[in-house]
Amino acid sequence: MFFSYYSSLFQPELVTPAGERRSQWYGVSLTPTAFFDGREQAVQVTHPDSFWVVYRDQFTGARAHNTVIELRLDSATTTIDSQQVRIGVQIHPTDTTVDRMTNLNLVGIVYEDSVPYYSLLRGDTVYAPLVVRAVIADTWGVPIRLRFGTDFDTVLTTAVRGWDISHVGVAAFVQDTASQAVLQAVTRYRLID
């Protein structure tokens, strides 16, 4: 799972404070930059049509990893209206390993799948993909404590801040903030079909 975090030096209209802090946490200075599983910086891709060709091996490798949790978005509570975005998250621990994990955060991301901006380099309007608009709660999400045999359900919310809600999608992931590893991630490409 990856998202584009943009530098305020290049596209200030695409930057959020939480996104900027997460970029700094990762030591990112290029724009945009993608990370797989929270740790592995992806090769820079400038043309969206080439994503699959370049990232295929990383996607395949990530799918082969076993995880200690199952993460789902609850379709009944994952919604958007003109005022608020809600992300219903269900976490099912599948291994006792989670009992010893103490640095876990649930991170909710609200993004727009296509944001227009004027490029001085091209002298034209271009579209930025998967632009992070909000990290719910704060930069690092919500600290959580998971236990094997006990499901964790919650709803994360944030106000709509002038986004084009027809282009808003959401994601949620559980991340170990000590290692930066993402244990599991889910996304809903657009909330309004």
Protein backbone atom coordinates (compact mmCIF):
# COMPACT_ATOMS: atom_id res chain seq x y z
CA MET A 1 0.00 0.00 0.00
CA PHE A 2 1.32 3.39 -0.86
CA PHE A 3 0.25 6.98 -1.13
CA SER A 4 1.80 10.10 -2.55
CA TYR A 5 3.17 12.59 -0.06
CA TYR A 6 4.05 15.85 -1.80
CA SER A 7 6.66 18.40 -0.85
CA SER A 8 5.41 21.93 -0.20
CA LEU A 9 8.35 23.19 -2.28
CA PHE A 10 6.83 21.75 -5.45
CA GLN A 11 3.03 21.62 -5.09
CA PRO A 12 1.96 23.54 -1.96
CA GLU A 13 -1.74 23.13 -2.84
CA LEU A 14 -1.34 19.34 -2.47
CA VAL A 15 0.28 19.32 0.98
CA THR A 16 -1.29 18.70 4.38
CA PRO A 17 0.57 19.23 7.67
CA ALA A 18 0.16 15.54 8.59
CA GLY A 19 1.40 14.45 5.17
CA GLU A 20 4.38 16.78 5.47
CA ARG A 21 5.27 15.34 8.91
CA ARG A 22 4.98 11.76 7.62
CA SER A 23 7.22 12.67 4.67
CA GLN A 24 9.80 14.04 7.12
CA TRP A 25 9.49 10.87 9.25
CA TYR A 26 10.37 8.84 6.16
CA GLY A 27 13.14 11.24 5.17
CA VAL A 28 11.46 12.02 1.84
CA SER A 29 12.54 15.03 -0.17
CA LEU A 30 11.34 13.97 -3.64
CA THR A 31 7.79 14.48 -4.72
CA PRO A 32 5.79 12.29 -4.90
CA THR A 33 7.33 9.30 -3.16
CA ALA A 34 5.80 5.90 -2.46
CA PHE A 35 6.59 3.32 0.22
CA PHE A 36 5.60 -0.34 0.32
CA ASP A 37 4.67 -1.91 3.65
CA GLY A 38 5.71 1.29 5.40
CA ARG A 39 9.42 0.58 5.00
CA GLU A 40 10.57 -0.06 1.44
CA GLN A 41 10.86 3.07 -0.70
CA ALA A 42 9.46 2.40 -4.15
CA VAL A 43 11.11 3.27 -7.43
CA GLN A 44 9.90 6.65 -8.65
CA VAL A 45 7.26 6.37 -11.38
CA THR A 46 6.24 9.45 -13.33
CA HIS A 47 3.60 7.90 -15.60
CA PRO A 48 0.64 6.19 -13.86
CA ASP A 49 0.30 3.73 -16.76
CA SER A 50 3.66 2.23 -15.81
CA PHE A 51 2.81 1.56 -12.14
CA TRP A 52 2.03 -2.14 -12.57
CA VAL A 53 5.08 -2.92 -14.69
CA VAL A 54 7.43 -1.25 -12.22
CA TYR A 55 5.74 -2.33 -8.97
CA ARG A 56 4.60 -5.87 -9.92
CA ASP A 57 7.37 -7.68 -8.01
CA GLN A 58 6.84 -5.57 -4.89
CA PHE A 59 3.08 -6.21 -4.96
CA THR A 60 3.64 -9.95 -5.45
CA GLY A 61 6.17 -10.05 -2.60
CA ALA A 62 3.85 -8.16 -0.25
CA ARG A 63 0.98 -10.56 -0.97
CA ALA A 64 3.19 -13.51 -0.02
CA HIS A 65 3.78 -12.23 3.54
CA ASN A 66 1.70 -13.67 6.34
CA THR A 67 0.12 -11.13 8.64
CA VAL A 68 -0.93 -11.35 12.26
CA ILE A 69 -4.18 -9.44 11.71
CA GLU A 70 -7.07 -9.26 9.29
CA LEU A 71 -8.24 -5.74 8.59
CA ARG A 72 -11.56 -4.80 6.95
CA LEU A 73 -13.54 -1.70 6.16
CA ASP A 74 -17.14 -1.92 7.37
CA SER A 75 -19.20 -0.93 4.32
CA ALA A 76 -22.14 0.17 6.48
CA THR A 77 -20.12 2.75 8.41
CA THR A 78 -17.53 3.77 5.80
CA THR A 79 -19.32 6.73 4.25
CA ILE A 80 -19.04 10.36 3.20
CA ASP A 81 -21.45 13.27 2.97
CA SER A 82 -20.90 17.00 2.52
CA GLN A 83 -19.87 17.37 6.18
CA GLN A 84 -17.98 14.28 7.30
CA VAL A 85 -15.94 11.22 6.28
CA ARG A 86 -16.38 8.08 8.36
CA ILE A 87 -14.11 5.03 8.17
CA GLY A 88 -15.48 1.93 9.87
CA VAL A 89 -12.59 -0.40 10.70
CA GLN A 90 -12.68 -4.00 11.90
CA ILE A 91 -9.47 -5.70 13.08
CA HIS A 92 -9.31 -9.42 13.75
CA PRO A 93 -6.01 -10.59 15.34
CA THR A 94 -5.01 -13.97 13.86
CA ASP A 95 -1.88 -14.74 15.87
CA THR A 96 -0.73 -14.42 19.50
CA THR A 97 2.23 -12.33 18.30
CA VAL A 98 0.01 -9.23 18.50
CA ASP A 99 -0.19 -9.62 22.29
CA ARG A 100 3.45 -8.48 22.52
CA MET A 101 3.21 -5.57 20.06
CA THR A 102 3.18 -2.26 21.91
CA ASN A 103 3.80 0.36 19.20
CA LEU A 104 0.75 -0.19 16.99
CA ASN A 105 -1.27 2.65 15.53
CA LEU A 106 -4.41 2.54 13.43
CA VAL A 107 -3.99 5.12 10.68
CA GLY A 108 -6.97 6.38 8.70
CA ILE A 109 -6.22 8.20 5.46
CA VAL A 110 -8.58 10.30 3.37
CA TYR A 111 -7.37 10.95 -0.15
CA GLU A 112 -8.53 12.37 -3.44
CA ASP A 113 -7.81 10.08 -6.35
CA SER A 114 -7.18 12.87 -8.85
CA VAL A 115 -6.34 16.47 -7.96
CA PRO A 116 -5.71 19.09 -10.66
CA TYR A 117 -2.93 21.63 -10.25
CA TYR A 118 -1.08 23.99 -12.54
CA SER A 119 2.45 22.81 -13.37
CA LEU A 120 4.93 25.61 -14.04
CA LEU A 121 7.26 23.08 -15.65
CA ARG A 122 4.64 21.94 -18.16
CA GLY A 123 2.72 25.21 -18.42
CA ASP A 124 -0.50 23.25 -18.16
CA THR A 125 -2.92 21.67 -15.70
CA VAL A 126 -1.90 18.18 -14.62
CA TYR A 127 -3.51 15.69 -12.24
CA ALA A 128 -1.87 14.32 -9.11
CA PRO A 129 -3.02 10.80 -8.12
CA LEU A 130 -3.86 9.58 -4.59
CA VAL A 131 -3.23 12.87 -2.78
CA VAL A 132 -3.47 12.54 1.01
CA ARG A 133 -5.97 15.09 2.28
CA ALA A 134 -6.17 14.01 5.92
CA VAL A 135 -4.60 11.59 8.34
CA ILE A 136 -7.33 10.99 10.90
CA ALA A 137 -6.58 11.77 14.55
CA ASP A 138 -3.05 13.03 13.93
CA THR A 139 0.05 12.32 11.88
CA TRP A 140 0.49 8.84 13.34
CA GLY A 141 -3.15 7.79 13.71
CA VAL A 142 -4.64 6.29 16.86
CA PRO A 143 -2.62 4.12 19.28
CA ILE A 144 -4.23 0.70 19.64
CA ARG A 145 -3.61 -2.40 21.72
CA LEU A 146 -4.59 -5.69 20.11
CA ARG A 147 -5.15 -9.07 21.75
CA PHE A 148 -5.47 -12.45 20.07
CA GLY A 149 -9.05 -13.66 20.36
CA THR A 150 -10.49 -10.14 20.76
CA ASP A 151 -11.75 -8.23 17.74
CA PHE A 152 -11.30 -4.46 17.58
CA ASP A 153 -13.96 -2.31 15.85
CA THR A 154 -14.02 1.47 15.59
CA VAL A 155 -15.16 4.34 13.41
CA LEU A 156 -12.68 7.09 12.54
CA THR A 157 -14.14 10.46 11.50
CA THR A 158 -12.96 13.75 10.06
CA ALA A 159 -14.62 16.83 8.60
CA VAL A 160 -14.79 17.35 4.84
CA ARG A 161 -12.56 20.32 4.03
CA GLY A 162 -13.58 21.48 0.57
CA TRP A 163 -12.65 18.25 -1.18
CA ASP A 164 -14.37 16.97 -4.28
CA ILE A 165 -16.29 14.21 -2.49
CA SER A 166 -16.89 12.37 -5.76
CA HIS A 167 -13.13 11.75 -5.87
CA VAL A 168 -12.58 10.89 -2.19
CA GLY A 169 -11.36 7.47 -1.16
CA VAL A 170 -10.18 6.13 2.17
CA ALA A 171 -7.65 3.72 3.50
CA ALA A 172 -6.79 2.32 6.88
CA PHE A 173 -3.70 0.51 8.01
CA VAL A 174 -2.10 -0.78 11.17
CA GLN A 175 1.49 0.37 11.51
CA ASP A 176 4.22 -0.42 14.01
CA THR A 177 5.64 3.05 14.69
CA ALA A 178 8.92 1.63 16.03
CA SER A 179 9.81 -0.29 12.84
CA GLN A 180 7.52 1.65 10.43
CA ALA A 181 6.20 -1.72 9.22
CA VAL A 182 2.61 -1.77 7.99
CA LEU A 183 1.00 -5.01 9.18
CA GLN A 184 -2.13 -4.85 7.05
CA ALA A 185 -3.93 -2.26 4.93
CA VAL A 186 -7.31 -1.83 3.26
CA THR A 187 -8.70 0.78 0.92
CA ARG A 188 -11.90 1.85 -0.74
CA TYR A 189 -10.99 3.63 -3.93
CA ARG A 190 -14.00 5.97 -3.97
CA LEU A 191 -16.73 6.38 -1.36
CA ILE A 192 -19.23 7.60 -3.94
CA ASP A 193 -19.53 5.31 -6.94
